[in-house]
Amino acid sequence: MTKSTWNVLVLAGLGVLQVAAAADVTGRWQLKGEVAGNPILADCNFKQDATKLAGTCKAGDMANWVVAGELQDKKISFHHDVEYGGSTYTLNYSGTFNTDAEAKGDIDVAGASGEFTLTKAAGAEPKQEAAPAATLAGTWKIEADVAGETHTGTCKIEQNLEKLTGNCKLEHGETALTGEVKGKHVTWSHKGEYNGEALTANYRGTVESPTAIKGDLDVQPFDVSGTFTATKVE
């Protein structure tokens, strides 16, 4: 056997070892992360074919996300599209397996970044976050910072299981509120106006305590965004 032949066999053997060391992701996983203050919580079902990854993820009552990606040794990368505000955004994930059942890494979408953790469900139903310790029904003081401007208002929220309704008293009048709460994650929206033009404000937040919510919001059709805090006053 020549030296060059031996080198080829050694390199081929190393390649086999690398493939064998790649994580096996076929099965069910829980995806948790955050991008620019927006929480991500989804149940995913992956199928691996050599280094190729395919599958779907389901987040709340949103349509299934179709996932595609690849694995190289302990590295995983995948992406999916999300419809939001009439536009399509592609979320790109890139991470590393620190164990056979967990990977961590970064998320990139439209210039914004965040982090994620992928945890194998091990054949059991993924653990769901518990409902908030206290009901959201009541009156909340809202303070929002949008495009460098500070806005305040008061929202009276009524809750029926996961559904939220109510009304908000804002700087330009009173408007109806609709939304929902899932675990510690809450979303709602209301109409309004700015300089005589109609708008819709969409809020996405996390319940930090029975009397505090923090998150971000966007205002359409102006396509501006910001942050908000909500404090329960009664």
Protein backbone atom coordinates (compact mmCIF):
# COMPACT_ATOMS: atom_id res chain seq x y z
CA MET A 1 0.00 0.00 0.00
CA THR A 2 1.42 3.38 -1.01
CA LYS A 3 1.66 6.31 1.36
CA SER A 4 -0.80 8.35 -0.74
CA THR A 5 -3.34 5.51 -0.62
CA TRP A 6 -2.95 5.29 3.16
CA ASN A 7 -3.52 9.06 3.46
CA VAL A 8 -6.72 8.81 1.43
CA LEU A 9 -8.04 6.03 3.65
CA VAL A 10 -7.18 7.95 6.80
CA LEU A 11 -8.94 11.08 5.54
CA ALA A 12 -11.97 9.03 4.48
CA GLY A 13 -12.07 7.45 7.92
CA LEU A 14 -11.98 10.86 9.56
CA GLY A 15 -14.87 11.93 7.34
CA VAL A 16 -16.89 8.92 8.48
CA LEU A 17 -16.16 9.78 12.09
CA GLN A 18 -17.32 13.37 11.57
CA VAL A 19 -20.62 12.25 10.02
CA ALA A 20 -21.17 9.77 12.83
CA ALA A 21 -20.59 12.56 15.38
CA ALA A 22 -23.26 14.78 13.85
CA ALA A 23 -26.30 15.27 16.06
CA ASP A 24 -29.40 13.23 15.22
CA VAL A 25 -32.27 15.75 15.16
CA THR A 26 -35.07 13.54 13.84
CA GLY A 27 -37.97 13.91 16.25
CA ARG A 28 -39.76 16.56 18.26
CA TRP A 29 -38.08 19.66 19.67
CA GLN A 30 -39.06 22.80 21.55
CA LEU A 31 -37.78 26.08 20.15
CA LYS A 32 -37.46 29.05 22.50
CA GLY A 33 -35.87 32.39 21.73
CA GLU A 34 -36.18 36.13 21.46
CA VAL A 35 -35.53 38.69 18.73
CA ALA A 36 -35.57 42.41 19.51
CA GLY A 37 -37.79 41.78 22.53
CA ASN A 38 -40.16 39.47 20.63
CA PRO A 39 -40.48 36.04 22.31
CA ILE A 40 -40.42 32.85 20.24
CA LEU A 41 -41.96 29.63 21.58
CA ALA A 42 -42.72 26.81 19.17
CA ASP A 43 -43.03 23.02 19.00
CA CYS A 44 -41.03 21.58 16.10
CA ASN A 45 -41.02 18.24 14.30
CA PHE A 46 -37.76 17.63 12.40
CA LYS A 47 -36.62 14.97 9.96
CA GLN A 48 -32.95 14.49 9.14
CA ASP A 49 -31.64 13.01 5.88
CA ALA A 50 -27.83 12.81 6.07
CA THR A 51 -26.86 16.46 6.57
CA LYS A 52 -30.19 17.87 5.39
CA LEU A 53 -32.88 19.06 7.80
CA ALA A 54 -36.59 19.53 7.09
CA GLY A 55 -39.75 19.84 9.14
CA THR A 56 -42.32 22.18 10.61
CA CYS A 57 -42.71 24.32 13.72
CA LYS A 58 -45.97 25.40 15.35
CA ALA A 59 -46.22 28.56 17.47
CA GLY A 60 -49.56 29.19 19.17
CA ASP A 61 -52.39 29.62 16.68
CA MET A 62 -50.10 30.74 13.86
CA ALA A 63 -49.82 28.74 10.64
CA ASN A 64 -47.12 26.08 10.57
CA TRP A 65 -43.62 27.32 9.77
CA VAL A 66 -41.92 25.22 7.09
CA VAL A 67 -38.32 24.65 8.15
CA ALA A 68 -35.29 23.78 6.02
CA GLY A 69 -31.65 23.58 7.01
CA GLU A 70 -28.55 21.48 7.41
CA LEU A 71 -26.22 19.94 9.98
CA GLN A 72 -22.44 19.81 9.95
CA ASP A 73 -20.87 17.93 12.85
CA LYS A 74 -22.25 19.74 15.93
CA LYS A 75 -23.41 22.78 13.95
CA ILE A 76 -27.04 23.35 12.98
CA SER A 77 -28.50 26.03 10.72
CA PHE A 78 -32.10 26.39 9.55
CA HIS A 79 -34.60 28.99 8.45
CA HIS A 80 -38.32 29.61 8.04
CA ASP A 81 -40.63 32.40 6.91
CA VAL A 82 -43.12 34.28 9.10
CA GLU A 83 -45.99 36.46 7.91
CA TYR A 84 -46.33 39.63 9.97
CA GLY A 85 -48.12 42.90 9.27
CA GLY A 86 -48.72 41.95 5.65
CA SER A 87 -45.01 41.25 5.03
CA THR A 88 -42.93 38.07 4.92
CA TYR A 89 -39.81 37.82 7.07
CA THR A 90 -37.18 35.05 7.01
CA LEU A 91 -35.72 33.99 10.35
CA ASN A 92 -32.25 32.46 10.09
CA TYR A 93 -30.95 30.29 12.93
CA SER A 94 -27.33 29.23 13.45
CA GLY A 95 -26.25 27.24 16.50
CA THR A 96 -24.17 24.52 18.10
CA PHE A 97 -25.19 21.37 19.98
CA ASN A 98 -23.69 21.37 23.47
CA THR A 99 -25.39 18.01 24.18
CA ASP A 100 -27.33 15.53 22.04
CA ALA A 101 -30.55 17.08 23.35
CA GLU A 102 -29.81 20.81 23.27
CA ALA A 103 -28.49 23.39 20.85
CA LYS A 104 -28.01 27.12 21.36
CA GLY A 105 -27.24 29.89 18.94
CA ASP A 106 -28.18 33.11 17.21
CA ILE A 107 -31.16 34.34 15.18
CA ASP A 108 -31.01 36.91 12.40
CA VAL A 109 -34.03 38.53 10.73
CA ALA A 110 -34.22 41.71 8.67
CA GLY A 111 -31.19 43.23 10.38
CA ALA A 112 -32.38 42.36 13.89
CA SER A 113 -30.71 39.66 15.98
CA GLY A 114 -31.47 37.43 18.95
CA GLU A 115 -30.75 34.10 20.56
CA PHE A 116 -32.44 30.69 20.66
CA THR A 117 -32.38 27.36 22.48
CA LEU A 118 -33.52 24.11 20.87
CA THR A 119 -34.39 21.31 23.32
CA LYS A 120 -35.29 17.74 22.36
CA ALA A 121 -38.73 16.65 23.59
CA ALA A 122 -37.52 13.07 24.25
CA GLY A 123 -40.83 11.53 23.12
CA ALA A 124 -42.90 13.52 25.61
CA GLU A 125 -45.11 16.51 25.09
CA PRO A 126 -43.04 19.70 25.32
CA LYS A 127 -43.50 21.42 28.61
CA GLN A 128 -45.89 24.35 28.27
CA GLU A 129 -45.42 27.53 30.21
CA ALA A 130 -47.83 27.96 33.07
CA ALA A 131 -50.59 30.55 32.88
CA PRO A 132 -49.87 33.91 34.51
CA ALA A 133 -50.19 33.85 38.28
CA ALA A 134 -52.77 36.64 38.18
CA THR A 135 -55.55 37.54 35.77
CA LEU A 136 -54.97 40.42 33.38
CA ALA A 137 -58.48 41.73 33.94
CA GLY A 138 -58.35 45.24 35.34
CA THR A 139 -57.09 48.71 34.50
CA TRP A 140 -53.58 49.19 33.16
CA LYS A 141 -51.52 52.33 32.65
CA ILE A 142 -49.67 52.17 29.33
CA GLU A 143 -46.45 54.07 28.62
CA ALA A 144 -45.05 53.69 25.12
CA ASP A 145 -41.97 55.03 23.35
CA VAL A 146 -42.52 55.03 19.59
CA ALA A 147 -40.08 56.57 17.12
CA GLY A 148 -38.65 58.74 19.86
CA GLU A 149 -42.02 60.02 21.05
CA THR A 150 -43.58 59.15 24.43
CA HIS A 151 -47.29 58.27 24.55
CA THR A 152 -49.45 57.37 27.52
CA GLY A 153 -52.91 55.91 27.98
CA THR A 154 -55.11 53.74 30.14
CA CYS A 155 -56.58 50.40 29.09
CA LYS A 156 -59.36 48.53 30.87
CA ILE A 157 -58.99 44.84 30.07
CA GLU A 158 -61.56 42.06 30.41
CA GLN A 159 -60.40 38.45 30.21
CA ASN A 160 -62.29 35.30 29.21
CA LEU A 161 -59.84 32.38 29.37
CA GLU A 162 -57.19 33.32 26.77
CA LYS A 163 -59.23 36.05 25.06
CA LEU A 164 -58.84 39.73 25.93
CA THR A 165 -61.29 42.56 25.20
CA GLY A 166 -61.72 46.04 26.57
CA ASN A 167 -61.13 49.67 25.74
CA CYS A 168 -58.29 52.15 25.91
CA LYS A 169 -58.38 55.87 26.65
CA LEU A 170 -55.63 57.41 24.59
CA GLU A 171 -54.37 60.89 23.80
CA HIS A 172 -56.70 61.11 20.79
CA GLY A 173 -59.80 59.46 22.26
CA GLU A 174 -61.19 56.08 23.28
CA THR A 175 -60.90 52.87 21.26
CA ALA A 176 -61.68 49.14 21.58
CA LEU A 177 -59.00 46.59 22.45
CA THR A 178 -58.79 42.91 21.43
CA GLY A 179 -56.08 40.34 22.12
CA GLU A 180 -55.06 37.12 23.79
CA VAL A 181 -52.75 35.73 26.47
CA LYS A 182 -50.87 32.42 26.20
CA GLY A 183 -48.75 31.47 29.15
CA LYS A 184 -46.74 34.57 29.98
CA HIS A 185 -47.03 35.98 26.46
CA VAL A 186 -49.70 38.57 25.72
CA THR A 187 -50.72 40.36 22.52
CA TRP A 188 -53.35 42.96 21.83
CA SER A 189 -54.17 45.68 19.32
CA HIS A 190 -56.33 48.75 19.05
CA LYS A 191 -57.20 51.40 16.50
CA GLY A 192 -56.23 55.05 16.72
CA GLU A 193 -55.20 58.03 14.67
CA TYR A 194 -52.19 60.27 14.17
CA ASN A 195 -52.45 63.67 12.50
CA GLY A 196 -55.89 62.69 11.22
CA GLU A 197 -54.75 59.35 9.74
CA ALA A 198 -56.13 56.01 10.95
CA LEU A 199 -53.68 53.54 12.49
CA THR A 200 -53.49 50.17 14.24
CA ALA A 201 -51.17 49.64 17.20
CA ASN A 202 -50.03 46.02 17.82
CA TYR A 203 -48.57 45.12 21.21
CA ARG A 204 -46.50 42.01 22.08
CA GLY A 205 -45.37 41.61 25.66
CA THR A 206 -44.36 39.36 28.51
CA VAL A 207 -46.14 39.26 31.87
CA GLU A 208 -43.30 39.89 34.32
CA SER A 209 -45.51 39.96 37.42
CA PRO A 210 -49.24 40.18 38.21
CA THR A 211 -48.95 43.98 37.88
CA ALA A 212 -46.33 44.47 35.15
CA ILE A 213 -46.09 43.77 31.42
CA LYS A 214 -43.20 44.79 29.15
CA GLY A 215 -42.73 44.38 25.43
CA ASP A 216 -42.69 46.06 22.05
CA LEU A 217 -45.20 47.36 19.57
CA ASP A 218 -45.53 48.42 15.97
CA VAL A 219 -47.83 50.95 14.40
CA GLN A 220 -49.32 50.30 10.96
CA PRO A 221 -49.50 51.50 8.22
CA PHE A 222 -46.70 53.86 9.35
CA ASP A 223 -44.33 50.91 9.86
CA VAL A 224 -42.80 52.35 13.03
CA SER A 225 -41.99 50.43 16.19
CA GLY A 226 -41.15 50.98 19.82
CA THR A 227 -41.40 49.61 23.35
CA PHE A 228 -44.01 49.79 26.07
CA THR A 229 -44.62 49.07 29.74
CA ALA A 230 -48.01 48.35 31.28
CA THR A 231 -48.61 48.75 35.01
CA LYS A 232 -51.78 47.51 36.69
CA VAL A 233 -53.43 50.26 38.70
CA GLU A 234 -56.61 48.47 39.84
